Every structure is written in C-alpha cells, then in structure tokens.
Amino acid sequence: MSRSLTRSVVDSGSVDSRLDVSLDVLANSYRRAALSRLVEADDDVAFDRLVDQVIDAVDDQAVETPTTDRTWVATRLYHVHLPKLADAGVLAHDDWESFKATDRGEAAIGLLEGVEPQR
C-alpha cells in the first residue's frame, strides 16, 4: 500500500513550533478521538470504520454538545479534521480511504497521558 504523507512546515520547525502544532491538533475532541483510534490500531483503518469509532468515542466523552450524526461527523472528518491531522504530519493516508498514525501522531497522543477531562 502506498502512503502519501502531507508535508508541512512542522518538518523543519523548532521543538516549540512542533509542540504548538501538536497542541492545536489535540484541541478538538473529534481530532483527538480519530488520532487516538489510529494510534491504538494495529493496521490501517478504513474511513467508514474510523467514522464509527470517532462517533463512539465522542459520545462516551464528557464533551459539550457532541454531535453523533454520522453524515455530519463523516463530512467534518473528511473535509476538516483528517486534512488538519495530515498537514500536522500525525497521520498517513492511502488516497483518503484508509489511515494510520505516524510516529509524530503517537508522540502527540502521548502528550495526553495523565491529562483527565474535567467533569
């Protein structure tokens, strides 16, 4: 399977700029859920499966006004959140049909260890 990984300014940025990008990526519950599921996966995750996993994850979290409408979530993931994750270099994709976390994605999710949501 060939992977195309979007390159970004992060590749040549300082530690501070990479941290800023990682925190920006993790600021959204849908992006956190998608990246977390990709990090946990042993293989590439198909888009439809990722949508279902994100809906389940966001529905289980203490998020203000979570939207679990499948069409809305799929559209937002495809057009907003997954491109942002790719631009940050935290995921690789195969023609936007299947996805896998990169080493940078695993490191970004590692920033969340020990951080618990306020309820």
PDB file of N, CA and C in Angstrom:
ATOM      1  N   MET A   1       0.840  -1.165   0.000  1.00  0.00           N
ATOM      2  CA  MET A   1       0.000   0.000   0.000  1.00  0.00           C
ATOM      3  C   MET A   1       0.891   1.236   0.000  1.00  0.00           C
ATOM      4  N   SER A   2       0.645   2.106  -0.898  1.00  0.00           N
ATOM      5  CA  SER A   2       1.442   3.330  -0.923  1.00  0.00           C
ATOM      6  C   SER A   2       0.786   4.355  -0.014  1.00  0.00           C
ATOM      7  N   ARG A   3       1.606   5.093   0.654  1.00  0.00           N
ATOM      8  CA  ARG A   3       1.107   6.123   1.554  1.00  0.00           C
ATOM      9  C   ARG A   3       1.595   7.471   1.058  1.00  0.00           C
ATOM     10  N   SER A   4       0.696   8.421   1.072  1.00  0.00           N
ATOM     11  CA  SER A   4       1.131   9.781   0.815  1.00  0.00           C
ATOM     12  C   SER A   4       0.993  10.523   2.130  1.00  0.00           C
ATOM     13  N   LEU A   5       2.038  11.148   2.515  1.00  0.00           N
ATOM     14  CA  LEU A   5       2.036  11.873   3.775  1.00  0.00           C
ATOM     15  C   LEU A   5       2.234  13.343   3.453  1.00  0.00           C
ATOM     16  N   THR A   6       1.275  14.141   3.869  1.00  0.00           N
ATOM     17  CA  THR A   6       1.360  15.569   3.606  1.00  0.00           C
ATOM     18  C   THR A   6       2.523  16.147   4.381  1.00  0.00           C
ATOM     19  N   ARG A   7       3.362  16.885   3.706  1.00  0.00           N
ATOM     20  CA  ARG A   7       4.482  17.527   4.369  1.00  0.00           C
ATOM     21  C   ARG A   7       4.046  18.914   4.816  1.00  0.00           C
ATOM     22  N   SER A   8       4.602  19.349   5.894  1.00  0.00           N
ATOM     23  CA  SER A   8       4.231  20.660   6.411  1.00  0.00           C
ATOM     24  C   SER A   8       5.460  21.370   6.938  1.00  0.00           C
ATOM     25  N   VAL A   9       5.228  22.580   7.346  1.00  0.00           N
ATOM     26  CA  VAL A   9       6.306  23.378   7.912  1.00  0.00           C
ATOM     27  C   VAL A   9       6.817  22.759   9.198  1.00  0.00           C
ATOM     28  N   VAL A  10       6.028  21.905   9.791  1.00  0.00           N
ATOM     29  CA  VAL A  10       6.411  21.273  11.044  1.00  0.00           C
ATOM     30  C   VAL A  10       7.669  20.446  10.865  1.00  0.00           C
ATOM     31  N   ASP A  11       7.881  19.889   9.672  1.00  0.00           N
ATOM     32  CA  ASP A  11       9.035  19.039   9.432  1.00  0.00           C
ATOM     33  C   ASP A  11      10.349  19.737   9.750  1.00  0.00           C
ATOM     34  N   SER A  12      10.413  21.015   9.498  1.00  0.00           N
ATOM     35  CA  SER A  12      11.665  21.719   9.732  1.00  0.00           C
ATOM     36  C   SER A  12      11.557  22.707  10.893  1.00  0.00           C
ATOM     37  N   GLY A  13      10.434  22.662  11.616  1.00  0.00           N
ATOM     38  CA  GLY A  13      10.204  23.615  12.688  1.00  0.00           C
ATOM     39  C   GLY A  13      10.951  23.280  13.957  1.00  0.00           C
ATOM     40  N   SER A  14      10.948  24.240  14.865  1.00  0.00           N
ATOM     41  CA  SER A  14      11.593  24.055  16.158  1.00  0.00           C
ATOM     42  C   SER A  14      10.731  23.166  17.045  1.00  0.00           C
ATOM     43  N   VAL A  15      11.277  22.778  18.173  1.00  0.00           N
ATOM     44  CA  VAL A  15      10.524  21.980  19.135  1.00  0.00           C
ATOM     45  C   VAL A  15       9.275  22.732  19.568  1.00  0.00           C
ATOM     46  N   ASP A  16       9.409  24.044  19.808  1.00  0.00           N
ATOM     47  CA  ASP A  16       8.252  24.838  20.220  1.00  0.00           C
ATOM     48  C   ASP A  16       7.168  24.852  19.153  1.00  0.00           C
ATOM     49  N   SER A  17       7.540  25.000  17.883  1.00  0.00           N
ATOM     50  CA  SER A  17       6.520  25.036  16.834  1.00  0.00           C
ATOM     51  C   SER A  17       5.860  23.673  16.669  1.00  0.00           C
ATOM     52  N   ARG A  18       6.625  22.579  16.824  1.00  0.00           N
ATOM     53  CA  ARG A  18       6.029  21.241  16.752  1.00  0.00           C
ATOM     54  C   ARG A  18       5.070  21.018  17.915  1.00  0.00           C
ATOM     55  N   LEU A  19       5.430  21.508  19.097  1.00  0.00           N
ATOM     56  CA  LEU A  19       4.559  21.389  20.260  1.00  0.00           C
ATOM     57  C   LEU A  19       3.270  22.186  20.036  1.00  0.00           C
ATOM     58  N   ASP A  20       3.402  23.402  19.513  1.00  0.00           N
ATOM     59  CA  ASP A  20       2.221  24.218  19.228  1.00  0.00           C
ATOM     60  C   ASP A  20       1.291  23.518  18.250  1.00  0.00           C
ATOM     61  N   VAL A  21       1.851  22.922  17.210  1.00  0.00           N
ATOM     62  CA  VAL A  21       1.038  22.212  16.224  1.00  0.00           C
ATOM     63  C   VAL A  21       0.368  21.010  16.870  1.00  0.00           C
ATOM     64  N   SER A  22       1.106  20.262  17.679  1.00  0.00           N
ATOM     65  CA  SER A  22       0.527  19.091  18.354  1.00  0.00           C
ATOM     66  C   SER A  22      -0.619  19.498  19.270  1.00  0.00           C
ATOM     67  N   LEU A  23      -0.432  20.554  20.036  1.00  0.00           N
ATOM     68  CA  LEU A  23      -1.493  21.001  20.939  1.00  0.00           C
ATOM     69  C   LEU A  23      -2.700  21.520  20.167  1.00  0.00           C
ATOM     70  N   ASP A  24      -2.465  22.187  19.050  1.00  0.00           N
ATOM     71  CA  ASP A  24      -3.563  22.664  18.208  1.00  0.00           C
ATOM     72  C   ASP A  24      -4.356  21.488  17.653  1.00  0.00           C
ATOM     73  N   VAL A  25      -3.656  20.473  17.199  1.00  0.00           N
ATOM     74  CA  VAL A  25      -4.302  19.281  16.657  1.00  0.00           C
ATOM     75  C   VAL A  25      -5.146  18.598  17.736  1.00  0.00           C
ATOM     76  N   LEU A  26      -4.646  18.561  18.956  1.00  0.00           N
ATOM     77  CA  LEU A  26      -5.334  17.863  20.042  1.00  0.00           C
ATOM     78  C   LEU A  26      -6.432  18.704  20.698  1.00  0.00           C
ATOM     79  N   ALA A  27      -6.583  19.938  20.276  1.00  0.00           N
ATOM     80  CA  ALA A  27      -7.556  20.834  20.897  1.00  0.00           C
ATOM     81  C   ALA A  27      -9.004  20.468  20.564  1.00  0.00           C
ATOM     82  N   ASN A  28      -9.224  19.665  19.551  1.00  0.00           N
ATOM     83  CA  ASN A  28     -10.572  19.319  19.119  1.00  0.00           C
ATOM     84  C   ASN A  28     -10.884  17.865  19.484  1.00  0.00           C
ATOM     85  N   SER A  29     -12.054  17.628  20.058  1.00  0.00           N
ATOM     86  CA  SER A  29     -12.412  16.279  20.518  1.00  0.00           C
ATOM     87  C   SER A  29     -12.514  15.276  19.369  1.00  0.00           C
ATOM     88  N   TYR A  30     -12.948  15.697  18.200  1.00  0.00           N
ATOM     89  CA  TYR A  30     -13.049  14.776  17.063  1.00  0.00           C
ATOM     90  C   TYR A  30     -11.662  14.383  16.554  1.00  0.00           C
ATOM     91  N   ARG A  31     -10.733  15.352  16.525  1.00  0.00           N
ATOM     92  CA  ARG A  31      -9.359  15.025  16.108  1.00  0.00           C
ATOM     93  C   ARG A  31      -8.677  14.136  17.144  1.00  0.00           C
ATOM     94  N   ARG A  32      -8.878  14.433  18.442  1.00  0.00           N
ATOM     95  CA  ARG A  32      -8.296  13.575  19.487  1.00  0.00           C
ATOM     96  C   ARG A  32      -8.815  12.153  19.355  1.00  0.00           C
ATOM     97  N   ALA A  33     -10.116  12.017  19.152  1.00  0.00           N
ATOM     98  CA  ALA A  33     -10.714  10.683  19.043  1.00  0.00           C
ATOM     99  C   ALA A  33     -10.176   9.949  17.824  1.00  0.00           C
ATOM    100  N   ALA A  34     -10.098  10.628  16.684  1.00  0.00           N
ATOM    101  CA  ALA A  34      -9.598   9.985  15.462  1.00  0.00           C
ATOM    102  C   ALA A  34      -8.148   9.556  15.639  1.00  0.00           C
ATOM    103  N   LEU A  35      -7.310  10.464  16.133  1.00  0.00           N
ATOM    104  CA  LEU A  35      -5.894  10.142  16.288  1.00  0.00           C
ATOM    105  C   LEU A  35      -5.689   9.042  17.326  1.00  0.00           C
ATOM    106  N   SER A  36      -6.441   9.086  18.409  1.00  0.00           N
ATOM    107  CA  SER A  36      -6.332   8.033  19.430  1.00  0.00           C
ATOM    108  C   SER A  36      -6.654   6.662  18.837  1.00  0.00           C
ATOM    109  N   ARG A  37      -7.721   6.596  18.048  1.00  0.00           N
ATOM    110  CA  ARG A  37      -8.102   5.316  17.435  1.00  0.00           C
ATOM    111  C   ARG A  37      -7.043   4.838  16.457  1.00  0.00           C
ATOM    112  N   LEU A  38      -6.437   5.755  15.730  1.00  0.00           N
ATOM    113  CA  LEU A  38      -5.397   5.368  14.781  1.00  0.00           C
ATOM    114  C   LEU A  38      -4.148   4.878  15.498  1.00  0.00           C
ATOM    115  N   VAL A  39      -3.809   5.514  16.612  1.00  0.00           N
ATOM    116  CA  VAL A  39      -2.647   5.088  17.390  1.00  0.00           C
ATOM    117  C   VAL A  39      -2.884   3.694  17.971  1.00  0.00           C
ATOM    118  N   GLU A  40      -4.104   3.416  18.414  1.00  0.00           N
ATOM    119  CA  GLU A  40      -4.437   2.119  19.002  1.00  0.00           C
ATOM    120  C   GLU A  40      -4.499   0.992  17.975  1.00  0.00           C
ATOM    121  N   ALA A  41      -4.740   1.329  16.714  1.00  0.00           N
ATOM    122  CA  ALA A  41      -4.932   0.315  15.669  1.00  0.00           C
ATOM    123  C   ALA A  41      -3.614  -0.346  15.279  1.00  0.00           C
ATOM    124  N   ASP A  42      -3.692  -1.634  15.013  1.00  0.00           N
ATOM    125  CA  ASP A  42      -2.518  -2.371  14.548  1.00  0.00           C
ATOM    126  C   ASP A  42      -2.295  -2.195  13.046  1.00  0.00           C
ATOM    127  N   ASP A  43      -3.362  -1.947  12.317  1.00  0.00           N
ATOM    128  CA  ASP A  43      -3.305  -1.812  10.862  1.00  0.00           C
ATOM    129  C   ASP A  43      -3.931  -0.498  10.433  1.00  0.00           C
ATOM    130  N   ASP A  44      -3.942  -0.278   9.124  1.00  0.00           N
ATOM    131  CA  ASP A  44      -4.642   0.879   8.584  1.00  0.00           C
ATOM    132  C   ASP A  44      -6.119   0.780   8.948  1.00  0.00           C
ATOM    133  N   VAL A  45      -6.762   1.925   9.125  1.00  0.00           N
ATOM    134  CA  VAL A  45      -8.180   1.960   9.464  1.00  0.00           C
ATOM    135  C   VAL A  45      -8.932   2.584   8.292  1.00  0.00           C
ATOM    136  N   ALA A  46      -9.931   1.865   7.791  1.00  0.00           N
ATOM    137  CA  ALA A  46     -10.757   2.380   6.693  1.00  0.00           C
ATOM    138  C   ALA A  46     -11.568   3.572   7.188  1.00  0.00           C
ATOM    139  N   PHE A  47     -11.866   4.482   6.275  1.00  0.00           N
ATOM    140  CA  PHE A  47     -12.580   5.709   6.629  1.00  0.00           C
ATOM    141  C   PHE A  47     -13.898   5.419   7.352  1.00  0.00           C
ATOM    142  N   ASP A  48     -14.734   4.541   6.810  1.00  0.00           N
ATOM    143  CA  ASP A  48     -16.038   4.256   7.428  1.00  0.00           C
ATOM    144  C   ASP A  48     -15.887   3.722   8.848  1.00  0.00           C
ATOM    145  N   ARG A  49     -14.916   2.874   9.048  1.00  0.00           N
ATOM    146  CA  ARG A  49     -14.680   2.332  10.394  1.00  0.00           C
ATOM    147  C   ARG A  49     -14.208   3.439  11.335  1.00  0.00           C
ATOM    148  N   LEU A  50     -13.343   4.316  10.843  1.00  0.00           N
ATOM    149  CA  LEU A  50     -12.860   5.423  11.667  1.00  0.00           C
ATOM    150  C   LEU A  50     -14.009   6.341  12.074  1.00  0.00           C
ATOM    151  N   VAL A  51     -14.926   6.612  11.156  1.00  0.00           N
ATOM    152  CA  VAL A  51     -16.088   7.450  11.480  1.00  0.00           C
ATOM    153  C   VAL A  51     -16.869   6.822  12.636  1.00  0.00           C
ATOM    154  N   ASP A  52     -17.141   5.525  12.545  1.00  0.00           N
ATOM    155  CA  ASP A  52     -17.883   4.844  13.613  1.00  0.00           C
ATOM    156  C   ASP A  52     -17.139   4.901  14.943  1.00  0.00           C
ATOM    157  N   GLN A  53     -15.832   4.710  14.903  1.00  0.00           N
ATOM    158  CA  GLN A  53     -15.035   4.743  16.128  1.00  0.00           C
ATOM    159  C   GLN A  53     -15.021   6.141  16.747  1.00  0.00           C
ATOM    160  N   VAL A  54     -14.942   7.160  15.920  1.00  0.00           N
ATOM    161  CA  VAL A  54     -14.939   8.540  16.428  1.00  0.00           C
ATOM    162  C   VAL A  54     -16.294   8.861  17.055  1.00  0.00           C
ATOM    163  N   ILE A  55     -17.371   8.457  16.411  1.00  0.00           N
ATOM    164  CA  ILE A  55     -18.707   8.696  16.970  1.00  0.00           C
ATOM    165  C   ILE A  55     -18.826   8.029  18.334  1.00  0.00           C
ATOM    166  N   ASP A  56     -18.395   6.785  18.444  1.00  0.00           N
ATOM    167  CA  ASP A  56     -18.458   6.077  19.725  1.00  0.00           C
ATOM    168  C   ASP A  56     -17.616   6.782  20.789  1.00  0.00           C
ATOM    169  N   ALA A  57     -16.427   7.198  20.418  1.00  0.00           N
ATOM    170  CA  ALA A  57     -15.523   7.833  21.377  1.00  0.00           C
ATOM    171  C   ALA A  57     -16.060   9.182  21.850  1.00  0.00           C
ATOM    172  N   VAL A  58     -16.525   9.998  20.937  1.00  0.00           N
ATOM    173  CA  VAL A  58     -17.013  11.331  21.301  1.00  0.00           C
ATOM    174  C   VAL A  58     -18.300  11.218  22.104  1.00  0.00           C
ATOM    175  N   ASP A  59     -19.125  10.239  21.773  1.00  0.00           N
ATOM    176  CA  ASP A  59     -20.371  10.025  22.504  1.00  0.00           C
ATOM    177  C   ASP A  59     -20.099   9.622  23.950  1.00  0.00           C
ATOM    178  N   ASP A  60     -18.990   8.894  24.178  1.00  0.00           N
ATOM    179  CA  ASP A  60     -18.634   8.431  25.524  1.00  0.00           C
ATOM    180  C   ASP A  60     -17.932   9.496  26.361  1.00  0.00           C
ATOM    181  N   GLN A  61     -17.426  10.548  25.732  1.00  0.00           N
ATOM    182  CA  GLN A  61     -16.671  11.571  26.445  1.00  0.00           C
ATOM    183  C   GLN A  61     -17.599  12.630  27.017  1.00  0.00           C
ATOM    184  N   ALA A  62     -17.079  13.359  27.988  1.00  0.00           N
ATOM    185  CA  ALA A  62     -17.820  14.491  28.540  1.00  0.00           C
ATOM    186  C   ALA A  62     -17.522  15.708  27.675  1.00  0.00           C
ATOM    187  N   VAL A  63     -18.199  15.782  26.548  1.00  0.00           N
ATOM    188  CA  VAL A  63     -17.980  16.876  25.600  1.00  0.00           C
ATOM    189  C   VAL A  63     -19.269  17.672  25.513  1.00  0.00           C
ATOM    190  N   GLU A  64     -19.138  18.984  25.551  1.00  0.00           N
ATOM    191  CA  GLU A  64     -20.326  19.807  25.397  1.00  0.00           C
ATOM    192  C   GLU A  64     -20.879  19.629  23.996  1.00  0.00           C
ATOM    193  N   THR A  65     -22.141  19.402  23.903  1.00  0.00           N
ATOM    194  CA  THR A  65     -22.885  19.225  22.657  1.00  0.00           C
ATOM    195  C   THR A  65     -22.166  18.350  21.628  1.00  0.00           C
ATOM    196  N   PRO A  66     -21.873  17.090  21.997  1.00  0.00           N
ATOM    197  CA  PRO A  66     -21.260  16.214  20.997  1.00  0.00           C
ATOM    198  C   PRO A  66     -22.263  15.909  19.888  1.00  0.00           C
ATOM    199  N   THR A  67     -21.787  15.917  18.675  1.00  0.00           N
ATOM    200  CA  THR A  67     -22.637  15.592  17.545  1.00  0.00           C
ATOM    201  C   THR A  67     -22.294  14.194  17.087  1.00  0.00           C
ATOM    202  N   THR A  68     -23.270  13.323  17.097  1.00  0.00           N
ATOM    203  CA  THR A  68     -23.030  11.952  16.669  1.00  0.00           C
ATOM    204  C   THR A  68     -23.806  11.616  15.398  1.00  0.00           C
ATOM    205  N   ASP A  69     -24.332  12.619  14.712  1.00  0.00           N
ATOM    206  CA  ASP A  69     -24.972  12.386  13.428  1.00  0.00           C
ATOM    207  C   ASP A  69     -23.892  11.912  12.454  1.00  0.00           C
ATOM    208  N   ARG A  70     -24.035  10.707  11.948  1.00  0.00           N
ATOM    209  CA  ARG A  70     -22.975  10.070  11.157  1.00  0.00           C
ATOM    210  C   ARG A  70     -22.575  10.885   9.924  1.00  0.00           C
ATOM    211  N   THR A  71     -23.543  11.405   9.201  1.00  0.00           N
ATOM    212  CA  THR A  71     -23.226  12.174   7.987  1.00  0.00           C
ATOM    213  C   THR A  71     -22.438  13.426   8.339  1.00  0.00           C
ATOM    214  N   TRP A  72     -22.849  14.122   9.401  1.00  0.00           N
ATOM    215  CA  TRP A  72     -22.147  15.337   9.820  1.00  0.00           C
ATOM    216  C   TRP A  72     -20.720  15.009  10.231  1.00  0.00           C
ATOM    217  N   VAL A  73     -20.569  13.964  11.058  1.00  0.00           N
ATOM    218  CA  VAL A  73     -19.235  13.591  11.532  1.00  0.00           C
ATOM    219  C   VAL A  73     -18.350  13.169  10.364  1.00  0.00           C
ATOM    220  N   ALA A  74     -18.872  12.348   9.462  1.00  0.00           N
ATOM    221  CA  ALA A  74     -18.087  11.887   8.304  1.00  0.00           C
ATOM    222  C   ALA A  74     -17.640  13.061   7.444  1.00  0.00           C
ATOM    223  N   THR A  75     -18.541  13.997   7.206  1.00  0.00           N
ATOM    224  CA  THR A  75     -18.200  15.167   6.380  1.00  0.00           C
ATOM    225  C   THR A  75     -17.138  16.022   7.040  1.00  0.00           C
ATOM    226  N   ARG A  76     -17.298  16.279   8.335  1.00  0.00           N
ATOM    227  CA  ARG A  76     -16.312  17.097   9.065  1.00  0.00           C
ATOM    228  C   ARG A  76     -14.961  16.399   9.144  1.00  0.00           C
ATOM    229  N   LEU A  77     -14.970  15.091   9.390  1.00  0.00           N
ATOM    230  CA  LEU A  77     -13.703  14.365   9.424  1.00  0.00           C
ATOM    231  C   LEU A  77     -12.996  14.465   8.078  1.00  0.00           C
ATOM    232  N   TYR A  78     -13.720  14.188   7.011  1.00  0.00           N
ATOM    233  CA  TYR A  78     -13.117  14.120   5.680  1.00  0.00           C
ATOM    234  C   TYR A  78     -12.616  15.479   5.185  1.00  0.00           C
ATOM    235  N   HIS A  79     -13.384  16.525   5.447  1.00  0.00           N
ATOM    236  CA  HIS A  79     -13.043  17.837   4.882  1.00  0.00           C
ATOM    237  C   HIS A  79     -12.295  18.767   5.833  1.00  0.00           C
ATOM    238  N   VAL A  80     -12.340  18.492   7.135  1.00  0.00           N
ATOM    239  CA  VAL A  80     -11.712  19.406   8.100  1.00  0.00           C
ATOM    240  C   VAL A  80     -10.648  18.703   8.945  1.00  0.00           C
ATOM    241  N   HIS A  81     -11.070  17.714   9.701  1.00  0.00           N
ATOM    242  CA  HIS A  81     -10.194  17.163  10.729  1.00  0.00           C
ATOM    243  C   HIS A  81      -9.072  16.266  10.193  1.00  0.00           C
ATOM    244  N   LEU A  82      -9.380  15.349   9.293  1.00  0.00           N
ATOM    245  CA  LEU A  82      -8.315  14.484   8.753  1.00  0.00           C
ATOM    246  C   LEU A  82      -7.287  15.275   7.946  1.00  0.00           C
ATOM    247  N   PRO A  83      -7.703  16.251   7.111  1.00  0.00           N
ATOM    248  CA  PRO A  83      -6.676  17.073   6.441  1.00  0.00           C
ATOM    249  C   PRO A  83      -5.796  17.842   7.428  1.00  0.00           C
ATOM    250  N   LYS A  84      -6.387  18.323   8.510  1.00  0.00           N
ATOM    251  CA  LYS A  84      -5.595  19.046   9.514  1.00  0.00           C
ATOM    252  C   LYS A  84      -4.586  18.102  10.172  1.00  0.00           C
ATOM    253  N   LEU A  85      -5.014  16.869  10.471  1.00  0.00           N
ATOM    254  CA  LEU A  85      -4.099  15.886  11.042  1.00  0.00           C
ATOM    255  C   LEU A  85      -2.990  15.535  10.052  1.00  0.00           C
ATOM    256  N   ALA A  86      -3.335  15.410   8.782  1.00  0.00           N
ATOM    257  CA  ALA A  86      -2.325  15.108   7.759  1.00  0.00           C
ATOM    258  C   ALA A  86      -1.345  16.266   7.615  1.00  0.00           C
ATOM    259  N   ASP A  87      -1.853  17.494   7.599  1.00  0.00           N
ATOM    260  CA  ASP A  87      -0.979  18.666   7.486  1.00  0.00           C
ATOM    261  C   ASP A  87      -0.008  18.756   8.661  1.00  0.00           C
ATOM    262  N   ALA A  88      -0.448  18.302   9.827  1.00  0.00           N
ATOM    263  CA  ALA A  88       0.415  18.326  11.010  1.00  0.00           C
ATOM    264  C   ALA A  88       1.405  17.164  11.007  1.00  0.00           C
ATOM    265  N   GLY A  89       1.248  16.241  10.063  1.00  0.00           N
ATOM    266  CA  GLY A  89       2.170  15.116   9.963  1.00  0.00           C
ATOM    267  C   GLY A  89       1.918  14.010  10.958  1.00  0.00           C
ATOM    268  N   VAL A  90       0.694  13.951  11.539  1.00  0.00           N
ATOM    269  CA  VAL A  90       0.423  12.939  12.543  1.00  0.00           C
ATOM    270  C   VAL A  90      -0.316  11.725  11.996  1.00  0.00           C
ATOM    271  N   LEU A  91      -0.709  11.784  10.724  1.00  0.00           N
ATOM    272  CA  LEU A  91      -1.309  10.610  10.109  1.00  0.00           C
ATOM    273  C   LEU A  91      -0.862  10.482   8.669  1.00  0.00           C
ATOM    274  N   ALA A  92      -0.841   9.236   8.219  1.00  0.00           N
ATOM    275  CA  ALA A  92      -0.578   8.908   6.822  1.00  0.00           C
ATOM    276  C   ALA A  92      -1.868   8.349   6.254  1.00  0.00           C
ATOM    277  N   HIS A  93      -2.057   8.513   4.956  1.00  0.00           N
ATOM    278  CA  HIS A  93      -3.293   8.027   4.356  1.00  0.00           C
ATOM    279  C   HIS A  93      -3.027   7.415   2.994  1.00  0.00           C
ATOM    280  N   ASP A  94      -3.931   6.561   2.599  1.00  0.00           N
ATOM    281  CA  ASP A  94      -3.882   5.938   1.282  1.00  0.00           C
ATOM    282  C   ASP A  94      -5.057   6.484   0.490  1.00  0.00           C
ATOM    283  N   ASP A  95      -4.802   7.518  -0.293  1.00  0.00           N
ATOM    284  CA  ASP A  95      -5.838   8.151  -1.118  1.00  0.00           C
ATOM    285  C   ASP A  95      -7.090   8.518  -0.324  1.00  0.00           C
ATOM    286  N   TRP A  96      -6.929   8.917   0.923  1.00  0.00           N
ATOM    287  CA  TRP A  96      -8.020   9.347   1.793  1.00  0.00           C
ATOM    288  C   TRP A  96      -9.056   8.250   2.019  1.00  0.00           C
ATOM    289  N   GLU A  97      -8.646   6.990   1.844  1.00  0.00           N
ATOM    290  CA  GLU A  97      -9.566   5.870   2.069  1.00  0.00           C
ATOM    291  C   GLU A  97      -9.221   5.088   3.328  1.00  0.00           C
ATOM    292  N   SER A  98      -7.945   5.021   3.657  1.00  0.00           N
ATOM    293  CA  SER A  98      -7.529   4.363   4.897  1.00  0.00           C
ATOM    294  C   SER A  98      -6.409   5.188   5.522  1.00  0.00           C
ATOM    295  N   PHE A  99      -6.282   5.039   6.840  1.00  0.00           N
ATOM    296  CA  PHE A  99      -5.428   5.939   7.607  1.00  0.00           C
ATOM    297  C   PHE A  99      -4.619   5.174   8.643  1.00  0.00           C
ATOM    298  N   LYS A 100      -3.469   5.744   8.997  1.00  0.00           N
ATOM    299  CA  LYS A 100      -2.606   5.171  10.026  1.00  0.00           C
ATOM    300  C   LYS A 100      -1.868   6.324  10.712  1.00  0.00           C
ATOM    301  N   ALA A 101      -1.711   6.210  12.014  1.00  0.00           N
ATOM    302  CA  ALA A 101      -0.960   7.221  12.761  1.00  0.00           C
ATOM    303  C   ALA A 101       0.523   7.106  12.432  1.00  0.00           C
ATOM    304  N   THR A 102       1.201   8.220  12.404  1.00  0.00           N
ATOM    305  CA  THR A 102       2.652   8.244  12.218  1.00  0.00           C
ATOM    306  C   THR A 102       3.314   8.269  13.598  1.00  0.00           C
ATOM    307  N   ASP A 103       4.624   8.208  13.604  1.00  0.00           N
ATOM    308  CA  ASP A 103       5.363   8.329  14.869  1.00  0.00           C
ATOM    309  C   ASP A 103       5.048   9.662  15.540  1.00  0.00           C
ATOM    310  N   ARG A 104       4.915  10.699  14.738  1.00  0.00           N
ATOM    311  CA  ARG A 104       4.577  12.021  15.289  1.00  0.00           C
ATOM    312  C   ARG A 104       3.179  11.993  15.916  1.00  0.00           C
ATOM    313  N   GLY A 105       2.260  11.225  15.323  1.00  0.00           N
ATOM    314  CA  GLY A 105       0.915  11.086  15.895  1.00  0.00           C
ATOM    315  C   GLY A 105       0.944  10.389  17.233  1.00  0.00           C
ATOM    316  N   GLU A 106       1.763   9.344  17.325  1.00  0.00           N
ATOM    317  CA  GLU A 106       1.899   8.637  18.599  1.00  0.00           C
ATOM    318  C   GLU A 106       2.482   9.566  19.670  1.00  0.00           C
ATOM    319  N   ALA A 107       3.444  10.385  19.273  1.00  0.00           N
ATOM    320  CA  ALA A 107       4.038  11.334  20.218  1.00  0.00           C
ATOM    321  C   ALA A 107       3.016  12.385  20.656  1.00  0.00           C
ATOM    322  N   ALA A 108       2.192  12.841  19.724  1.00  0.00           N
ATOM    323  CA  ALA A 108       1.168  13.845  20.051  1.00  0.00           C
ATOM    324  C   ALA A 108       0.166  13.275  21.056  1.00  0.00           C
ATOM    325  N   ILE A 109      -0.294  12.051  20.827  1.00  0.00           N
ATOM    326  CA  ILE A 109      -1.234  11.420  21.756  1.00  0.00           C
ATOM    327  C   ILE A 109      -0.571  11.207  23.115  1.00  0.00           C
ATOM    328  N   GLY A 110       0.730  10.975  23.112  1.00  0.00           N
ATOM    329  CA  GLY A 110       1.470  10.823  24.366  1.00  0.00           C
ATOM    330  C   GLY A 110       1.389  12.059  25.249  1.00  0.00           C
ATOM    331  N   LEU A 111       1.173  13.216  24.638  1.00  0.00           N
ATOM    332  CA  LEU A 111       1.028  14.447  25.421  1.00  0.00           C
ATOM    333  C   LEU A 111      -0.205  14.409  26.318  1.00  0.00           C
ATOM    334  N   LEU A 112      -1.173  13.570  25.962  1.00  0.00           N
ATOM    335  CA  LEU A 112      -2.421  13.498  26.728  1.00  0.00           C
ATOM    336  C   LEU A 112      -2.333  12.586  27.949  1.00  0.00           C
ATOM    337  N   GLU A 113      -1.259  11.807  28.037  1.00  0.00           N
ATOM    338  CA  GLU A 113      -1.135  10.917  29.187  1.00  0.00           C
ATOM    339  C   GLU A 113      -1.117  11.708  30.478  1.00  0.00           C
ATOM    340  N   GLY A 114      -1.921  11.287  31.393  1.00  0.00           N
ATOM    341  CA  GLY A 114      -2.004  11.978  32.680  1.00  0.00           C
ATOM    342  C   GLY A 114      -2.956  13.147  32.707  1.00  0.00           C
ATOM    343  N   VAL A 115      -3.497  13.481  31.558  1.00  0.00           N
ATOM    344  CA  VAL A 115      -4.458  14.581  31.494  1.00  0.00           C
ATOM    345  C   VAL A 115      -5.853  13.965  31.473  1.00  0.00           C
ATOM    346  N   GLU A 116      -6.652  14.307  32.468  1.00  0.00           N
ATOM    347  CA  GLU A 116      -8.019  13.791  32.529  1.00  0.00           C
ATOM    348  C   GLU A 116      -8.977  14.936  32.280  1.00  0.00           C
ATOM    349  N   PRO A 117     -10.041  14.672  31.511  1.00  0.00           N
ATOM    350  CA  PRO A 117     -11.023  15.735  31.263  1.00  0.00           C
ATOM    351  C   PRO A 117     -11.729  16.160  32.546  1.00  0.00           C
ATOM    352  N   GLN A 118     -12.012  17.434  32.641  1.00  0.00           N
ATOM    353  CA  GLN A 118     -12.777  17.963  33.773  1.00  0.00           C
ATOM    354  C   GLN A 118     -14.229  17.590  33.590  1.00  0.00           C
ATOM    355  N   ARG A 119     -14.863  17.084  34.616  1.00  0.00           N
ATOM    356  CA  ARG A 119     -16.292  16.716  34.540  1.00  0.00           C
ATOM    357  C   ARG A 119     -17.105  17.599  35.446  1.00  0.00           C
TER     358      ARG A 119
END
